[in-house]
Structures are given as C-alpha cells and as structure tokens.
C-alpha atoms as a PDB file:
ATOM      1  CA  MET A   1      -0.011  -0.073  -0.360  1.00  0.00           C
ATOM      2  CA  PRO A   2       1.298   3.862  -1.207  1.00  0.00           C
ATOM      3  CA  LEU A   3       2.701   6.092   1.697  1.00  0.00           C
ATOM      4  CA  ALA A   4       0.009   8.912   0.687  1.00  0.00           C
ATOM      5  CA  VAL A   5       1.387  12.378   2.172  1.00  0.00           C
ATOM      6  CA  LYS A   6      -0.359  15.650   1.885  1.00  0.00           C
ATOM      7  CA  ILE A   7       1.697  19.221   1.310  1.00  0.00           C
ATOM      8  CA  LEU A   8       0.329  22.423   1.376  1.00  0.00           C
ATOM      9  CA  VAL A   9       1.166  25.025  -1.310  1.00  0.00           C
ATOM     10  CA  ALA A  10       0.692  28.318   0.134  1.00  0.00           C
ATOM     11  CA  GLY A  11       1.316  31.945  -0.419  1.00  0.00           C
ATOM     12  CA  GLY A  12       0.240  35.559  -0.921  1.00  0.00           C
ATOM     13  CA  PHE A  13      -2.393  36.308  -3.674  1.00  0.00           C
ATOM     14  CA  GLY A  14      -1.506  35.647  -7.303  1.00  0.00           C
ATOM     15  CA  VAL A  15       1.949  34.005  -6.491  1.00  0.00           C
ATOM     16  CA  GLY A  16       1.611  31.000  -8.180  1.00  0.00           C
ATOM     17  CA  LYS A  17       0.119  28.452  -6.622  1.00  0.00           C
ATOM     18  CA  THR A  18      -1.986  27.722  -8.624  1.00  0.00           C
ATOM     19  CA  THR A  19      -0.133  27.431 -11.579  1.00  0.00           C
ATOM     20  CA  PHE A  20       2.891  25.183  -9.282  1.00  0.00           C
ATOM     21  CA  VAL A  21       0.127  22.802  -8.645  1.00  0.00           C
ATOM     22  CA  GLY A  22      -1.139  22.742 -11.903  1.00  0.00           C
ATOM     23  CA  ALA A  23       2.575  22.138 -13.615  1.00  0.00           C
ATOM     24  CA  VAL A  24       3.206  19.492 -11.661  1.00  0.00           C
ATOM     25  CA  SER A  25       0.321  17.868 -11.260  1.00  0.00           C
ATOM     26  CA  GLU A  26       0.150  13.861 -13.288  1.00  0.00           C
ATOM     27  CA  ILE A  27      -3.568  14.427 -12.903  1.00  0.00           C
ATOM     28  CA  LYS A  28      -6.156  17.238 -14.124  1.00  0.00           C
ATOM     29  CA  PRO A  29      -6.278  19.389 -11.164  1.00  0.00           C
ATOM     30  CA  LEU A  30      -8.708  20.534  -9.582  1.00  0.00           C
ATOM     31  CA  GLN A  31      -8.933  24.471  -9.512  1.00  0.00           C
ATOM     32  CA  THR A  32     -11.410  26.834  -7.927  1.00  0.00           C
ATOM     33  CA  GLU A  33     -10.675  29.716  -9.712  1.00  0.00           C
ATOM     34  CA  GLU A  34     -13.211  32.530 -10.312  1.00  0.00           C
ATOM     35  CA  ILE A  35     -13.185  35.637 -12.406  1.00  0.00           C
ATOM     36  CA  LEU A  36     -12.236  38.635  -9.921  1.00  0.00           C
ATOM     37  CA  THR A  37     -15.279  41.173  -9.852  1.00  0.00           C
ATOM     38  CA  GLU A  38     -15.825  44.523  -8.514  1.00  0.00           C
ATOM     39  CA  GLN A  39     -16.820  43.270  -5.118  1.00  0.00           C
ATOM     40  CA  SER A  40     -13.754  42.587  -4.904  1.00  0.00           C
ATOM     41  CA  VAL A  41     -12.384  45.694  -5.329  1.00  0.00           C
ATOM     42  CA  GLY A  42     -11.286  47.463  -1.837  1.00  0.00           C
ATOM     43  CA  VAL A  43     -11.281  44.128  -0.239  1.00  0.00           C
ATOM     44  CA  ASP A  44      -8.491  42.278  -2.378  1.00  0.00           C
ATOM     45  CA  ASP A  45      -5.296  43.746  -2.778  1.00  0.00           C
ATOM     46  CA  ILE A  46      -3.669  43.122  -6.246  1.00  0.00           C
ATOM     47  CA  SER A  47      -1.090  46.206  -6.222  1.00  0.00           C
ATOM     48  CA  GLY A  48       1.845  43.797  -7.725  1.00  0.00           C
ATOM     49  CA  VAL A  49      -0.725  41.220  -9.838  1.00  0.00           C
ATOM     50  CA  ASP A  50      -2.500  44.024 -11.670  1.00  0.00           C
ATOM     51  CA  ARG A  51      -3.433  41.718 -14.936  1.00  0.00           C
ATOM     52  CA  LYS A  52      -4.417  38.989 -12.595  1.00  0.00           C
ATOM     53  CA  THR A  53      -8.215  38.321 -13.551  1.00  0.00           C
ATOM     54  CA  THR A  54      -9.157  35.028 -11.778  1.00  0.00           C
ATOM     55  CA  THR A  55      -8.442  33.895  -8.022  1.00  0.00           C
ATOM     56  CA  THR A  56      -8.577  30.777  -6.099  1.00  0.00           C
ATOM     57  CA  VAL A  57     -11.556  30.756  -3.832  1.00  0.00           C
ATOM     58  CA  ALA A  58     -11.565  27.464  -2.139  1.00  0.00           C
ATOM     59  CA  MET A  59      -8.378  25.395  -2.890  1.00  0.00           C
ATOM     60  CA  ASP A  60      -6.009  23.822  -5.604  1.00  0.00           C
ATOM     61  CA  PHE A  61      -5.470  19.659  -5.681  1.00  0.00           C
ATOM     62  CA  GLY A  62      -3.242  17.954  -7.596  1.00  0.00           C
ATOM     63  CA  ARG A  63      -1.039  14.750  -7.242  1.00  0.00           C
ATOM     64  CA  ILE A  64       2.005  13.216  -7.968  1.00  0.00           C
ATOM     65  CA  THR A  65       3.667  10.011  -7.422  1.00  0.00           C
ATOM     66  CA  ILE A  66       7.067   9.924  -6.238  1.00  0.00           C
ATOM     67  CA  ARG A  67       7.549   6.380  -6.404  1.00  0.00           C
ATOM     68  CA  GLU A  68       5.397   3.222  -6.460  1.00  0.00           C
ATOM     69  CA  ARG A  69       5.217   3.749  -2.667  1.00  0.00           C
ATOM     70  CA  LEU A  70       4.862   7.544  -1.873  1.00  0.00           C
ATOM     71  CA  ILE A  71       2.304   9.787  -3.669  1.00  0.00           C
ATOM     72  CA  LEU A  72       1.875  13.708  -2.598  1.00  0.00           C
ATOM     73  CA  TYR A  73      -1.344  15.391  -2.748  1.00  0.00           C
ATOM     74  CA  LEU A  74      -0.620  19.030  -3.320  1.00  0.00           C
ATOM     75  CA  PHE A  75      -3.488  21.192  -1.410  1.00  0.00           C
ATOM     76  CA  GLY A  76      -3.191  24.763  -2.716  1.00  0.00           C
ATOM     77  CA  THR A  77      -4.405  27.301  -0.084  1.00  0.00           C
ATOM     78  CA  PRO A  78      -6.526  30.429  -1.384  1.00  0.00           C
ATOM     79  CA  GLY A  79      -4.194  33.713  -1.133  1.00  0.00           C
ATOM     80  CA  GLN A  80      -6.587  36.493  -0.072  1.00  0.00           C
ATOM     81  CA  ASP A  81      -6.777  37.088   3.650  1.00  0.00           C
ATOM     82  CA  ARG A  82     -10.596  36.708   3.454  1.00  0.00           C
ATOM     83  CA  PHE A  83     -10.040  32.775   2.841  1.00  0.00           C
ATOM     84  CA  TRP A  84      -7.897  32.657   5.578  1.00  0.00           C
ATOM     85  CA  PHE A  85     -10.472  30.631   7.551  1.00  0.00           C
ATOM     86  CA  MET A  86     -10.142  27.931   5.170  1.00  0.00           C
ATOM     87  CA  TRP A  87      -6.253  27.100   6.156  1.00  0.00           C
ATOM     88  CA  ASP A  88      -7.427  24.930   9.094  1.00  0.00           C
ATOM     89  CA  GLU A  89      -9.029  22.613   7.307  1.00  0.00           C
ATOM     90  CA  LEU A  90      -6.534  22.545   4.178  1.00  0.00           C
ATOM     91  CA  SER A  91      -3.798  22.404   6.945  1.00  0.00           C
ATOM     92  CA  HIS A  92      -5.408  19.101   8.802  1.00  0.00           C
ATOM     93  CA  GLY A  93      -3.161  16.070   8.492  1.00  0.00           C
ATOM     94  CA  ALA A  94      -0.715  17.997   6.438  1.00  0.00           C
ATOM     95  CA  LEU A  95       3.329  16.567   6.821  1.00  0.00           C
ATOM     96  CA  GLY A  96       4.458  19.662   5.383  1.00  0.00           C
ATOM     97  CA  ALA A  97       3.981  22.746   2.969  1.00  0.00           C
ATOM     98  CA  ILE A  98       5.927  25.162   0.232  1.00  0.00           C
ATOM     99  CA  VAL A  99       5.687  28.784   1.109  1.00  0.00           C
ATOM    100  CA  LEU A 100       5.659  30.430  -2.587  1.00  0.00           C
ATOM    101  CA  ALA A 101       7.334  33.781  -2.335  1.00  0.00           C
ATOM    102  CA  ASP A 102       7.044  36.775  -5.392  1.00  0.00           C
ATOM    103  CA  THR A 103      10.319  38.629  -4.461  1.00  0.00           C
ATOM    104  CA  ARG A 104       8.547  41.822  -5.961  1.00  0.00           C
ATOM    105  CA  ARG A 105       6.157  41.404  -2.742  1.00  0.00           C
ATOM    106  CA  LEU A 106       7.951  39.302  -0.238  1.00  0.00           C
ATOM    107  CA  ALA A 107       5.593  40.703   2.547  1.00  0.00           C
ATOM    108  CA  ASP A 108       3.086  38.923   1.243  1.00  0.00           C
ATOM    109  CA  CYS A 109       4.579  35.990   2.706  1.00  0.00           C
ATOM    110  CA  PHE A 110       4.551  36.548   6.458  1.00  0.00           C
ATOM    111  CA  PRO A 111       1.327  35.169   7.079  1.00  0.00           C
ATOM    112  CA  ALA A 112       2.010  32.005   5.406  1.00  0.00           C
ATOM    113  CA  VAL A 113       5.330  31.516   7.091  1.00  0.00           C
ATOM    114  CA  ASP A 114       3.449  32.934  10.403  1.00  0.00           C
ATOM    115  CA  TYR A 115       1.112  30.508   9.933  1.00  0.00           C
ATOM    116  CA  PHE A 116       3.205  27.154   9.944  1.00  0.00           C
ATOM    117  CA  GLU A 117       5.663  28.549  12.099  1.00  0.00           C
ATOM    118  CA  SER A 118       3.145  28.444  14.916  1.00  0.00           C
ATOM    119  CA  ARG A 119       1.495  25.423  13.840  1.00  0.00           C
ATOM    120  CA  GLY A 120       5.307  23.562  13.798  1.00  0.00           C
ATOM    121  CA  LEU A 121       4.437  22.824  10.417  1.00  0.00           C
ATOM    122  CA  PRO A 122       7.694  22.356   8.498  1.00  0.00           C
ATOM    123  CA  PHE A 123       8.345  24.320   5.352  1.00  0.00           C
ATOM    124  CA  ILE A 124      10.747  25.474   2.794  1.00  0.00           C
ATOM    125  CA  VAL A 125      10.144  28.426   0.724  1.00  0.00           C
ATOM    126  CA  GLY A 126       9.895  28.443  -2.734  1.00  0.00           C
ATOM    127  CA  VAL A 127      10.802  31.717  -4.458  1.00  0.00           C
ATOM    128  CA  ASN A 128       9.286  32.031  -8.078  1.00  0.00           C
ATOM    129  CA  CYS A 129      11.138  33.650 -10.179  1.00  0.00           C
ATOM    130  CA  PHE A 130       9.287  36.510 -12.083  1.00  0.00           C
ATOM    131  CA  ASP A 131      10.722  38.032 -14.964  1.00  0.00           C
ATOM    132  CA  ASP A 132      10.423  40.961 -13.375  1.00  0.00           C
ATOM    133  CA  GLY A 133      10.605  40.109  -9.923  1.00  0.00           C
ATOM    134  CA  TYR A 134      14.168  41.113  -7.773  1.00  0.00           C
ATOM    135  CA  ASP A 135      17.323  39.046  -7.595  1.00  0.00           C
ATOM    136  CA  TYR A 136      17.905  37.853  -3.938  1.00  0.00           C
ATOM    137  CA  ASP A 137      20.159  35.473  -2.715  1.00  0.00           C
ATOM    138  CA  SER A 138      19.392  32.737  -0.175  1.00  0.00           C
ATOM    139  CA  ASP A 139      20.677  34.842   2.947  1.00  0.00           C
ATOM    140  CA  GLU A 140      18.749  38.016   2.152  1.00  0.00           C
ATOM    141  CA  ILE A 141      15.506  36.276   1.568  1.00  0.00           C
ATOM    142  CA  CYS A 142      16.027  34.319   4.868  1.00  0.00           C
ATOM    143  CA  GLU A 143      16.775  37.721   6.687  1.00  0.00           C
ATOM    144  CA  ALA A 144      13.641  39.645   5.073  1.00  0.00           C
ATOM    145  CA  LEU A 145      11.296  37.110   6.252  1.00  0.00           C
ATOM    146  CA  ASP A 146      13.139  36.189   9.749  1.00  0.00           C
ATOM    147  CA  LEU A 147      13.124  32.773   8.367  1.00  0.00           C
ATOM    148  CA  ASN A 148      14.891  30.248  11.183  1.00  0.00           C
ATOM    149  CA  PRO A 149      18.751  29.338   9.404  1.00  0.00           C
ATOM    150  CA  LYS A 150      17.292  26.102   8.716  1.00  0.00           C
ATOM    151  CA  THR A 151      15.023  26.968   6.531  1.00  0.00           C
ATOM    152  CA  PRO A 152      15.354  25.705   2.905  1.00  0.00           C
ATOM    153  CA  ILE A 153      15.144  28.835   0.433  1.00  0.00           C
ATOM    154  CA  VAL A 154      14.657  27.062  -3.283  1.00  0.00           C
ATOM    155  CA  LEU A 155      14.382  29.212  -6.255  1.00  0.00           C
ATOM    156  CA  CYS A 156      11.635  27.776  -8.951  1.00  0.00           C
ATOM    157  CA  ASP A 157       9.473  28.771 -12.212  1.00  0.00           C
ATOM    158  CA  ALA A 158       5.913  27.312 -11.006  1.00  0.00           C
ATOM    159  CA  ARG A 159       5.284  26.791 -14.699  1.00  0.00           C
ATOM    160  CA  SER A 160       7.629  24.774 -14.930  1.00  0.00           C
ATOM    161  CA  LYS A 161       7.556  20.949 -14.515  1.00  0.00           C
ATOM    162  CA  ASP A 162      10.540  20.031 -13.438  1.00  0.00           C
ATOM    163  CA  SER A 163      11.261  22.905 -11.371  1.00  0.00           C
ATOM    164  CA  ALA A 164       8.088  21.806  -9.263  1.00  0.00           C
ATOM    165  CA  LYS A 165       9.594  18.658  -8.696  1.00  0.00           C
ATOM    166  CA  SER A 166      12.638  20.380  -7.460  1.00  0.00           C
ATOM    167  CA  VAL A 167      10.801  22.377  -4.826  1.00  0.00           C
ATOM    168  CA  LEU A 168       8.961  19.513  -3.792  1.00  0.00           C
ATOM    169  CA  THR A 169      11.869  17.360  -3.777  1.00  0.00           C
ATOM    170  CA  SER A 170      13.755  19.783  -1.400  1.00  0.00           C
ATOM    171  CA  LEU A 171      10.244  19.925   0.632  1.00  0.00           C
ATOM    172  CA  VAL A 172      10.667  16.072   0.936  1.00  0.00           C
ATOM    173  CA  LYS A 173      14.563  16.037   1.724  1.00  0.00           C
ATOM    174  CA  HIS A 174      13.969  18.789   4.175  1.00  0.00           C
ATOM    175  CA  LEU A 175      11.155  16.553   6.385  1.00  0.00           C
ATOM    176  CA  ILE A 176      13.201  13.198   6.193  1.00  0.00           C
ATOM    177  CA  THR A 177      16.001  15.816   8.331  1.00  0.00           C
ATOM    178  CA  VAL A 178      13.382  17.598  10.577  1.00  0.00           C
ATOM    179  CA  ASN A 179      11.757  14.172  11.302  1.00  0.00           C
ATOM    180  CA  GLY A 180      14.973  12.531  11.741  1.00  0.00           C
ATOM    181  CA  GLU A 181      15.897  15.815  14.138  1.00  0.00           C
ATOM    182  CA  ASP A 182      12.873  15.402  16.296  1.00  0.00           C
ATOM    183  CA  ARG A 183      13.145  11.504  16.645  1.00  0.00           C
ATOM    184  CA  SER A 184      16.993  12.142  17.561  1.00  0.00           C
ATOM    185  CA  ALA A 185      15.765  15.001  20.464  1.00  0.00           C
ATOM    186  CA  GLU A 186      12.652  12.908  21.389  1.00  0.00           C
ATOM    187  CA  ALA A 187      15.589   9.698  21.929  1.00  0.00           C
ATOM    188  CA  ALA A 188      18.180  11.605  23.948  1.00  0.00           C
ATOM    189  CA  GLY A 189      14.989  12.747  25.951  1.00  0.00           C
ATOM    190  CA  GLN A 190      14.487   9.486  27.261  1.00  0.00           C
ATOM    191  CA  TYR A 191      17.593   8.255  27.716  1.00  0.00           C
ATOM    192  CA  SER A 192      18.395  11.810  29.783  1.00  0.00           C
END
C-alpha cells in the first residue's frame, strides 16, 4: 500500500500556487478559480498583480507519484486574507508545506510563514522567479522573512514541471531531516 503524504502550497495572492500545482500534478488538477469581480475592489489587494483576472476561492488539488510507494497530494491554499479561515481545514493532516514567494512582494509571505511556524508545520520557501522580480540571494530572503536559518529556500519557476518537482524534492528532503532531528531529540530526552 502506498504512503500518501499531504502537502500544502501556500503564499500570497497571485504568487503562483495554482500554476505550481497545475504544472506538477499528474492528474488534471482541481482548481476553484473564479473571475475577479467589482465586489473584490477594495477587499483584495491586487497591487503588483494588476493583470490577474482570476482567484482561487477554495483550493487547488493535485497529485504526484514520487515513487511507487510514495504519493504526494498537493493542496493549494487561497491567497487572500478573506479566505484564511480555510487554512485550518486544509492544513489538517498535512506533513509539510511550501510557501511560494514573489520577490516583488515578499511581505505577502509573512502570513503563511507565521501560520506554519505557529503550528510547528515544517515548510520550505519556494521563490517563484518572475521575469520582473528582484534577484535576492537565499541569505537576503532568509533575513527579509526572518526565517530560521535551517528553513530551505529554493528558487523556482512555478510554470515548469521540472522546477516544481525540484521544490517538492527539497521539501521531502527537509521533512526527512526534520523528522530525523525530532526522533533524535525524543530519544535523547528518553535517556537523559
């Protein structure tokens, strides 16, 4: 029986979560995209993503088989503040997360970073490299987001299947490391 692992893909509005899930999913992804309407004016901050015409209103869902006995189920979270109430349900049972970042709007990552840190859910940061984005190195991004230095930061192109797979591989490696450290700390506590 294969091991099923739930992974969240989170981040700010318009950062590329739907694109990421769609690029890497081996099945046709479930997407709950709706057209932005006049009702969202003044509610959703679209600065920096002025050309965006749709938004995720519930979640994105995709699946990727890493190997025969390891299947990742990807859940993309909605990015606007008004949909954050859904994050608790979406994160239930998740093993880890990817926080997608846009260097043009790094501050939009803070809610996702804070959410996962406060719940102790391991995550990595995937920097979606937009053509008109800023070129920061990992240390600058780590400092700007006030991340734990052990939090991996991976550059990516959410449109590319290979790039998205690389981010997922980095997350799986991070989860193995974190779980190994947790077990070592637990064992040390038993024998101290």
